[in-house]
Every structure is written in C-alpha cells, then in structure tokens.
Amino acid sequence: QVQVAESGGGQVQAGGSLSLSCTVSGLDFGNYAMAWFRQAPGKEREAVSCISWNGKYISYADSVKGRFTISRDDAKKTLYLQMHSLKPEDSSVYYCAVDTSGGYPFCQGYDRPGPEFATWGQGMQVTVSS
C-alpha cells in the first residue's frame, strides 16, 4: 500500500522561508518523477515544481523560479521543497504527487492539462502573511 506523508507546512511572514517534505512508502521511490502542486481557495490547481525520476531534470513554475528549490533523497524516499522569499500569493494548500503512472518521467508537460499524477498526498496549508 502506497502512503504519502507530507510535513512542513505552516504560517510565515512575507519574505520568510519554509521547507516542505514528502515521504513515500510502499513503492520503489527512485523509479518515479515527483512534483509539488498547490491550490488556493477559488483557484485552479497550479503546478509548482517537478523533479524527474533520476533527479536530472527539474522544472519550476515561473512564479516560483529563483525562490523555490525542489530536491529528492531516494535513500530516504523523501521529496523536498525549500521555499524562500515567500509572498502572500504563495499561500495555498501544497500537495506532493508521485508519477506512479509513468506519464511524466522527465517532467515533460507535467504543468500542462493532461493525465494527472496518479498518487497524491493529503495536502498541507502554507500561509504567508503580509
């Protein structure tokens, strides 16, 4: 049984930093691309960042480039998102997703409409106050 455990959300002031983690069990973690998505109330889900199964390909949304860093530790079966210079518009529920269907091994097109990542975490709130 695949389990996805997210941690690290919370509240921070604008300009601050937060680090999100996502630990996955029940599958061969190193075989899959992984991504972070976010969704604010009343808005569509937004792709934030993706890292390929081998860690060599990384993609960021324009809105977070230069501020967020995605990484993975396959030995710990954990995905990370380091967020710096946070803005109120970064406030959202953040979701970790695993490409267990294999549709985005190199993150190609993960941020465009299409098949979803097959495995998701429960989401965690990030609130950035001004």
Protein backbone atom coordinates (compact mmCIF):
# COMPACT_ATOMS: atom_id res chain seq x y z
CA GLN A 1 0.00 0.00 0.00
CA VAL A 2 1.41 3.36 -1.05
CA GLN A 3 1.47 6.02 1.63
CA VAL A 4 2.41 9.67 1.16
CA ALA A 5 3.23 11.70 4.26
CA GLU A 6 3.69 15.44 3.91
CA SER A 7 5.10 17.77 6.52
CA GLY A 8 6.47 21.25 6.96
CA GLY A 9 3.53 23.48 6.16
CA GLY A 10 2.61 26.37 8.38
CA GLN A 11 2.48 30.12 8.63
CA VAL A 12 5.27 32.55 7.92
CA GLN A 13 5.63 36.26 7.29
CA ALA A 14 6.32 37.60 3.84
CA GLY A 15 9.98 37.30 3.00
CA GLY A 16 10.37 34.25 5.19
CA SER A 17 11.17 30.64 4.39
CA LEU A 18 9.58 27.25 4.78
CA SER A 19 10.64 23.75 3.86
CA LEU A 20 8.18 21.09 2.83
CA SER A 21 8.84 17.36 2.92
CA CYS A 22 7.04 14.39 1.42
CA THR A 23 7.97 10.84 2.41
CA VAL A 24 6.61 8.00 0.33
CA SER A 25 6.41 4.36 1.31
CA GLY A 26 5.11 1.27 -0.41
CA LEU A 27 6.79 1.76 -3.77
CA ASP A 28 10.20 1.97 -5.38
CA PHE A 29 10.64 5.69 -4.86
CA GLY A 30 13.60 6.10 -7.20
CA ASN A 31 11.60 4.95 -10.22
CA TYR A 32 9.21 7.89 -10.34
CA ALA A 33 9.15 11.57 -11.11
CA MET A 34 7.68 13.65 -8.33
CA ALA A 35 6.13 17.07 -8.18
CA TRP A 36 4.63 19.73 -5.98
CA PHE A 37 1.32 21.34 -6.82
CA ARG A 38 -0.69 23.95 -4.97
CA GLN A 39 -4.26 25.12 -4.92
CA ALA A 40 -5.64 28.26 -3.32
CA PRO A 41 -9.33 28.68 -2.48
CA GLY A 42 -11.33 29.51 -5.58
CA LYS A 43 -8.39 28.95 -7.90
CA GLU A 44 -7.29 26.15 -10.17
CA ARG A 45 -4.56 23.81 -9.08
CA GLU A 46 -1.15 25.10 -10.09
CA ALA A 47 1.95 23.10 -10.90
CA VAL A 48 4.81 24.39 -8.76
CA SER A 49 7.81 22.18 -9.48
CA CYS A 50 8.77 18.75 -10.75
CA ILE A 51 11.86 16.58 -10.50
CA SER A 52 12.48 13.63 -12.80
CA TRP A 53 12.87 10.06 -11.61
CA ASN A 54 16.66 10.34 -11.80
CA GLY A 55 16.83 13.88 -10.44
CA LYS A 56 18.47 15.23 -13.59
CA TYR A 57 15.51 17.20 -14.91
CA ILE A 58 13.84 19.89 -12.84
CA SER A 59 11.10 22.30 -13.77
CA TYR A 60 9.65 25.29 -11.93
CA ALA A 61 6.64 27.49 -12.45
CA ASP A 62 7.67 30.99 -13.48
CA SER A 63 6.06 32.34 -10.32
CA VAL A 64 8.50 30.47 -8.06
CA LYS A 65 11.70 30.38 -10.10
CA GLY A 66 14.66 31.64 -8.13
CA ARG A 67 12.79 31.32 -4.83
CA PHE A 68 11.88 27.63 -4.55
CA THR A 69 14.16 24.61 -4.80
CA ILE A 70 12.96 21.05 -5.31
CA SER A 71 15.12 18.07 -4.41
CA ARG A 72 14.83 14.40 -3.65
CA ASP A 73 16.65 11.92 -1.45
CA ASP A 74 15.96 8.47 -2.82
CA ALA A 75 17.62 6.74 0.13
CA LYS A 76 15.17 8.46 2.46
CA LYS A 77 12.33 8.18 -0.06
CA THR A 78 11.66 11.84 0.51
CA LEU A 79 10.88 14.79 -1.71
CA TYR A 80 11.63 18.32 -0.55
CA LEU A 81 10.60 21.85 -1.46
CA GLN A 82 12.59 24.68 0.01
CA MET A 83 10.72 27.95 -0.25
CA HIS A 84 12.41 31.31 0.25
CA SER A 85 11.34 34.94 -0.13
CA LEU A 86 7.77 33.84 0.35
CA LYS A 87 4.98 36.12 -0.79
CA PRO A 88 1.35 36.31 0.31
CA GLU A 89 0.38 34.95 -3.12
CA ASP A 90 2.27 31.75 -2.29
CA SER A 91 -0.40 31.00 0.32
CA SER A 92 -2.10 27.80 -0.72
CA VAL A 93 -2.57 24.14 0.05
CA TYR A 94 0.52 22.34 -1.23
CA TYR A 95 0.35 18.77 -2.50
CA CYS A 96 3.06 16.25 -3.15
CA ALA A 97 2.41 13.99 -6.14
CA VAL A 98 4.10 10.85 -7.43
CA ASP A 99 4.06 9.92 -11.10
CA THR A 100 3.22 6.29 -10.44
CA SER A 101 1.50 6.01 -13.81
CA GLY A 102 4.80 6.84 -15.52
CA GLY A 103 3.42 9.57 -17.74
CA TYR A 104 5.99 12.21 -16.84
CA PRO A 105 9.35 10.53 -16.17
CA PHE A 106 11.29 13.63 -17.17
CA CYS A 107 8.59 16.11 -16.10
CA GLN A 108 7.79 16.87 -19.71
CA GLY A 109 4.43 18.57 -19.89
CA TYR A 110 3.60 17.95 -16.25
CA ASP A 111 2.36 21.52 -15.95
CA ARG A 112 0.01 21.32 -18.91
CA PRO A 113 -3.52 19.92 -19.00
CA GLY A 114 -3.38 16.16 -19.26
CA PRO A 115 -3.35 12.96 -17.24
CA GLU A 116 -2.78 13.62 -13.58
CA PHE A 117 -0.07 12.24 -11.40
CA ALA A 118 -1.51 9.03 -10.04
CA THR A 119 -0.59 9.29 -6.36
CA TRP A 120 -1.16 12.29 -4.11
CA GLY A 121 -0.56 13.40 -0.58
CA GLN A 122 -3.30 14.84 1.58
CA GLY A 123 -2.09 18.42 1.21
CA MET A 124 -0.82 20.93 3.73
CA GLN A 125 -1.55 24.57 4.26
CA VAL A 126 1.08 27.23 3.70
CA THR A 127 0.06 30.72 4.77
CA VAL A 128 2.21 33.76 4.10
CA SER A 129 1.13 36.89 5.92
CA SER A 130 1.97 40.38 4.73
